[in-house]
Amino acid sequence: MRLAQHMAIASPHITAQCIDANEFPELSQRYQVMAVPKIVINDAVEFEGALPERDFLAAVLRAASTPAAEAAAPAEPAPAAEKDA
């Protein structure tokens, strides 16, 4: 969870939330939490337990490249039209 929080601080494109499974049992059931930490990225990639930094980053990149993540990503602003002088 610490790495996710650091990534969220470093990039405006990333958010991280830490949720206590005992305080929010409906989320625990929804995401089938059986162990902690349970990491869910864009509802596309999930895993339980601590991962080495390299593997965690690979999971984030995998989630970012899924169609669900692309649909949820904000659209790039269109370039401004040039005016003829």
N, C-alpha and C. Protein backbone atom coordinates (compact mmCIF):
# COMPACT_ATOMS: atom_id res chain seq x y z
N MET A 1 0.82 -1.19 0.00
CA MET A 1 0.00 0.00 0.00
C MET A 1 0.86 1.25 0.00
N ARG A 2 1.99 1.18 0.64
CA ARG A 2 2.86 2.35 0.70
C ARG A 2 3.32 2.78 -0.68
N LEU A 3 3.67 1.82 -1.53
CA LEU A 3 4.11 2.17 -2.88
C LEU A 3 2.97 2.82 -3.66
N ALA A 4 1.76 2.31 -3.52
CA ALA A 4 0.61 2.91 -4.20
C ALA A 4 0.41 4.35 -3.75
N GLN A 5 0.57 4.59 -2.47
CA GLN A 5 0.42 5.95 -1.96
C GLN A 5 1.51 6.87 -2.49
N HIS A 6 2.73 6.37 -2.57
CA HIS A 6 3.83 7.17 -3.14
C HIS A 6 3.57 7.49 -4.61
N MET A 7 3.04 6.51 -5.34
CA MET A 7 2.74 6.73 -6.76
C MET A 7 1.64 7.78 -6.90
N ALA A 8 0.65 7.75 -6.01
CA ALA A 8 -0.45 8.72 -6.06
C ALA A 8 0.04 10.13 -5.76
N ILE A 9 1.00 10.26 -4.88
CA ILE A 9 1.58 11.57 -4.58
C ILE A 9 2.38 12.09 -5.77
N ALA A 10 3.06 11.18 -6.46
CA ALA A 10 3.94 11.57 -7.55
C ALA A 10 3.20 11.88 -8.85
N SER A 11 1.98 11.35 -9.02
CA SER A 11 1.28 11.53 -10.30
C SER A 11 -0.18 11.91 -10.09
N PRO A 12 -0.64 12.92 -10.80
CA PRO A 12 -2.06 13.29 -10.69
C PRO A 12 -2.97 12.26 -11.37
N HIS A 13 -2.41 11.31 -12.10
CA HIS A 13 -3.19 10.29 -12.80
C HIS A 13 -3.46 9.07 -11.93
N ILE A 14 -2.93 9.06 -10.72
CA ILE A 14 -3.04 7.89 -9.83
C ILE A 14 -3.68 8.31 -8.52
N THR A 15 -4.61 7.50 -8.05
CA THR A 15 -5.17 7.69 -6.71
C THR A 15 -4.98 6.39 -5.96
N ALA A 16 -4.86 6.49 -4.65
CA ALA A 16 -4.72 5.31 -3.80
C ALA A 16 -5.60 5.49 -2.58
N GLN A 17 -6.30 4.44 -2.23
CA GLN A 17 -7.14 4.46 -1.05
C GLN A 17 -6.86 3.22 -0.23
N CYS A 18 -6.75 3.41 1.06
CA CYS A 18 -6.57 2.30 1.98
C CYS A 18 -7.88 2.14 2.75
N ILE A 19 -8.48 0.99 2.66
CA ILE A 19 -9.78 0.75 3.29
C ILE A 19 -9.65 -0.40 4.27
N ASP A 20 -10.13 -0.17 5.49
CA ASP A 20 -10.12 -1.20 6.53
C ASP A 20 -11.23 -2.21 6.22
N ALA A 21 -10.86 -3.44 5.95
CA ALA A 21 -11.82 -4.47 5.57
C ALA A 21 -12.85 -4.72 6.67
N ASN A 22 -12.46 -4.57 7.93
CA ASN A 22 -13.41 -4.78 9.03
C ASN A 22 -14.42 -3.64 9.13
N GLU A 23 -14.03 -2.46 8.74
CA GLU A 23 -14.93 -1.30 8.81
C GLU A 23 -15.89 -1.25 7.62
N PHE A 24 -15.53 -1.88 6.52
CA PHE A 24 -16.35 -1.86 5.32
C PHE A 24 -16.57 -3.29 4.81
N PRO A 25 -17.37 -4.07 5.53
CA PRO A 25 -17.55 -5.48 5.15
C PRO A 25 -18.17 -5.66 3.76
N GLU A 26 -18.99 -4.68 3.31
CA GLU A 26 -19.59 -4.82 1.98
C GLU A 26 -18.53 -4.76 0.88
N LEU A 27 -17.50 -3.93 1.08
CA LEU A 27 -16.40 -3.89 0.12
C LEU A 27 -15.55 -5.15 0.21
N SER A 28 -15.38 -5.67 1.43
CA SER A 28 -14.64 -6.92 1.62
C SER A 28 -15.29 -8.06 0.86
N GLN A 29 -16.62 -8.10 0.92
CA GLN A 29 -17.35 -9.15 0.20
C GLN A 29 -17.29 -8.92 -1.30
N ARG A 30 -17.47 -7.67 -1.72
CA ARG A 30 -17.45 -7.34 -3.15
C ARG A 30 -16.14 -7.76 -3.81
N TYR A 31 -15.03 -7.47 -3.12
CA TYR A 31 -13.71 -7.77 -3.68
C TYR A 31 -13.12 -9.07 -3.15
N GLN A 32 -13.93 -9.85 -2.43
CA GLN A 32 -13.52 -11.16 -1.92
C GLN A 32 -12.18 -11.11 -1.19
N VAL A 33 -12.10 -10.23 -0.21
CA VAL A 33 -10.87 -10.08 0.56
C VAL A 33 -10.70 -11.28 1.47
N MET A 34 -9.61 -12.01 1.28
CA MET A 34 -9.30 -13.17 2.11
C MET A 34 -7.99 -12.95 2.88
N ALA A 35 -7.20 -12.01 2.42
CA ALA A 35 -5.91 -11.71 3.06
C ALA A 35 -5.62 -10.23 2.81
N VAL A 36 -4.73 -9.70 3.62
CA VAL A 36 -4.33 -8.30 3.44
C VAL A 36 -2.83 -8.23 3.23
N PRO A 37 -2.36 -7.29 2.45
CA PRO A 37 -3.16 -6.33 1.72
C PRO A 37 -3.80 -6.96 0.50
N LYS A 38 -4.97 -6.49 0.16
CA LYS A 38 -5.66 -6.86 -1.09
C LYS A 38 -5.60 -5.62 -1.96
N ILE A 39 -4.97 -5.74 -3.10
CA ILE A 39 -4.80 -4.62 -4.01
C ILE A 39 -5.71 -4.83 -5.22
N VAL A 40 -6.50 -3.82 -5.54
CA VAL A 40 -7.37 -3.84 -6.72
C VAL A 40 -7.04 -2.59 -7.53
N ILE A 41 -6.69 -2.80 -8.78
CA ILE A 41 -6.30 -1.69 -9.65
C ILE A 41 -7.29 -1.60 -10.80
N ASN A 42 -8.05 -0.50 -10.83
CA ASN A 42 -9.02 -0.23 -11.91
C ASN A 42 -10.01 -1.38 -12.11
N ASP A 43 -10.29 -2.13 -11.08
CA ASP A 43 -11.18 -3.30 -11.17
C ASP A 43 -10.72 -4.27 -12.26
N ALA A 44 -9.48 -4.18 -12.70
CA ALA A 44 -8.97 -5.03 -13.78
C ALA A 44 -7.92 -6.01 -13.29
N VAL A 45 -7.09 -5.59 -12.36
CA VAL A 45 -6.01 -6.43 -11.83
C VAL A 45 -6.12 -6.41 -10.32
N GLU A 46 -6.01 -7.57 -9.71
CA GLU A 46 -6.02 -7.62 -8.26
C GLU A 46 -5.10 -8.73 -7.77
N PHE A 47 -4.59 -8.54 -6.57
CA PHE A 47 -3.73 -9.54 -5.95
C PHE A 47 -3.74 -9.33 -4.45
N GLU A 48 -3.34 -10.37 -3.73
CA GLU A 48 -3.26 -10.30 -2.28
C GLU A 48 -1.82 -10.53 -1.85
N GLY A 49 -1.46 -9.86 -0.77
CA GLY A 49 -0.12 -10.00 -0.24
C GLY A 49 0.82 -8.95 -0.81
N ALA A 50 1.96 -8.85 -0.17
CA ALA A 50 2.95 -7.87 -0.59
C ALA A 50 3.69 -8.38 -1.82
N LEU A 51 3.95 -7.48 -2.74
CA LEU A 51 4.72 -7.80 -3.94
C LEU A 51 5.99 -6.98 -3.96
N PRO A 52 7.04 -7.51 -4.57
CA PRO A 52 8.22 -6.67 -4.80
C PRO A 52 7.83 -5.48 -5.67
N GLU A 53 8.54 -4.38 -5.52
CA GLU A 53 8.22 -3.14 -6.24
C GLU A 53 8.10 -3.36 -7.74
N ARG A 54 9.00 -4.13 -8.32
CA ARG A 54 8.98 -4.38 -9.77
C ARG A 54 7.69 -5.07 -10.19
N ASP A 55 7.24 -6.05 -9.40
CA ASP A 55 6.01 -6.78 -9.72
C ASP A 55 4.78 -5.89 -9.53
N PHE A 56 4.81 -5.04 -8.50
CA PHE A 56 3.70 -4.13 -8.27
C PHE A 56 3.57 -3.17 -9.45
N LEU A 57 4.68 -2.61 -9.89
CA LEU A 57 4.66 -1.70 -11.04
C LEU A 57 4.16 -2.40 -12.29
N ALA A 58 4.55 -3.65 -12.50
CA ALA A 58 4.07 -4.41 -13.66
C ALA A 58 2.56 -4.59 -13.58
N ALA A 59 2.02 -4.81 -12.38
CA ALA A 59 0.56 -4.95 -12.22
C ALA A 59 -0.14 -3.64 -12.54
N VAL A 60 0.43 -2.52 -12.11
CA VAL A 60 -0.16 -1.21 -12.41
C VAL A 60 -0.16 -0.99 -13.92
N LEU A 61 0.92 -1.29 -14.58
CA LEU A 61 1.00 -1.10 -16.03
C LEU A 61 0.04 -2.02 -16.77
N ARG A 62 -0.12 -3.25 -16.26
CA ARG A 62 -1.08 -4.19 -16.86
C ARG A 62 -2.50 -3.63 -16.73
N ALA A 63 -2.84 -3.10 -15.57
CA ALA A 63 -4.18 -2.54 -15.35
C ALA A 63 -4.40 -1.32 -16.22
N ALA A 64 -3.37 -0.52 -16.40
CA ALA A 64 -3.50 0.69 -17.21
C ALA A 64 -3.69 0.37 -18.69
N SER A 65 -3.28 -0.80 -19.11
CA SER A 65 -3.37 -1.15 -20.53
C SER A 65 -4.63 -1.95 -20.86
N THR A 66 -5.52 -2.17 -19.87
CA THR A 66 -6.74 -2.91 -20.14
C THR A 66 -7.79 -2.00 -20.75
N PRO A 67 -8.70 -2.53 -21.55
CA PRO A 67 -9.75 -1.70 -22.15
C PRO A 67 -10.58 -0.96 -21.11
N ALA A 68 -10.87 -1.57 -19.97
CA ALA A 68 -11.67 -0.90 -18.93
C ALA A 68 -10.94 0.34 -18.44
N ALA A 69 -9.64 0.24 -18.29
CA ALA A 69 -8.85 1.38 -17.81
C ALA A 69 -8.84 2.48 -18.87
N GLU A 70 -8.75 2.10 -20.13
CA GLU A 70 -8.73 3.10 -21.20
C GLU A 70 -10.06 3.84 -21.28
N ALA A 71 -11.16 3.13 -21.06
CA ALA A 71 -12.47 3.76 -21.11
C ALA A 71 -12.65 4.72 -19.94
N ALA A 72 -12.04 4.40 -18.79
CA ALA A 72 -12.20 5.24 -17.61
C ALA A 72 -11.23 6.42 -17.60
N ALA A 73 -10.20 6.36 -18.43
CA ALA A 73 -9.20 7.43 -18.44
C ALA A 73 -9.78 8.69 -19.05
N PRO A 74 -9.41 9.84 -18.51
CA PRO A 74 -9.92 11.08 -19.10
C PRO A 74 -9.35 11.27 -20.50
N ALA A 75 -10.15 11.84 -21.37
CA ALA A 75 -9.73 12.07 -22.76
C ALA A 75 -8.68 13.17 -22.80
N GLU A 76 -7.78 13.05 -23.74
CA GLU A 76 -6.77 14.09 -23.94
C GLU A 76 -7.46 15.31 -24.51
N PRO A 77 -7.10 16.51 -24.07
CA PRO A 77 -7.73 17.69 -24.64
C PRO A 77 -7.37 17.84 -26.12
N ALA A 78 -8.33 18.30 -26.89
CA ALA A 78 -8.09 18.51 -28.32
C ALA A 78 -7.18 19.70 -28.50
N PRO A 79 -6.30 19.65 -29.51
CA PRO A 79 -5.42 20.80 -29.74
C PRO A 79 -6.25 22.03 -30.15
N ALA A 80 -5.80 23.16 -29.73
CA ALA A 80 -6.50 24.41 -30.07
C ALA A 80 -6.40 24.67 -31.56
N ALA A 81 -7.47 25.12 -32.13
CA ALA A 81 -7.46 25.44 -33.57
C ALA A 81 -6.63 26.69 -33.79
N GLU A 82 -5.85 26.66 -34.85
CA GLU A 82 -5.02 27.83 -35.17
C GLU A 82 -5.86 28.83 -35.93
N LYS A 83 -5.65 30.09 -35.64
CA LYS A 83 -6.36 31.17 -36.32
C LYS A 83 -5.49 31.69 -37.45
N ASP A 84 -6.14 31.96 -38.58
CA ASP A 84 -5.42 32.56 -39.71
C ASP A 84 -5.29 34.06 -39.45
N ALA A 85 -4.11 34.59 -39.63
CA ALA A 85 -3.88 36.02 -39.38
C ALA A 85 -4.12 36.85 -40.60
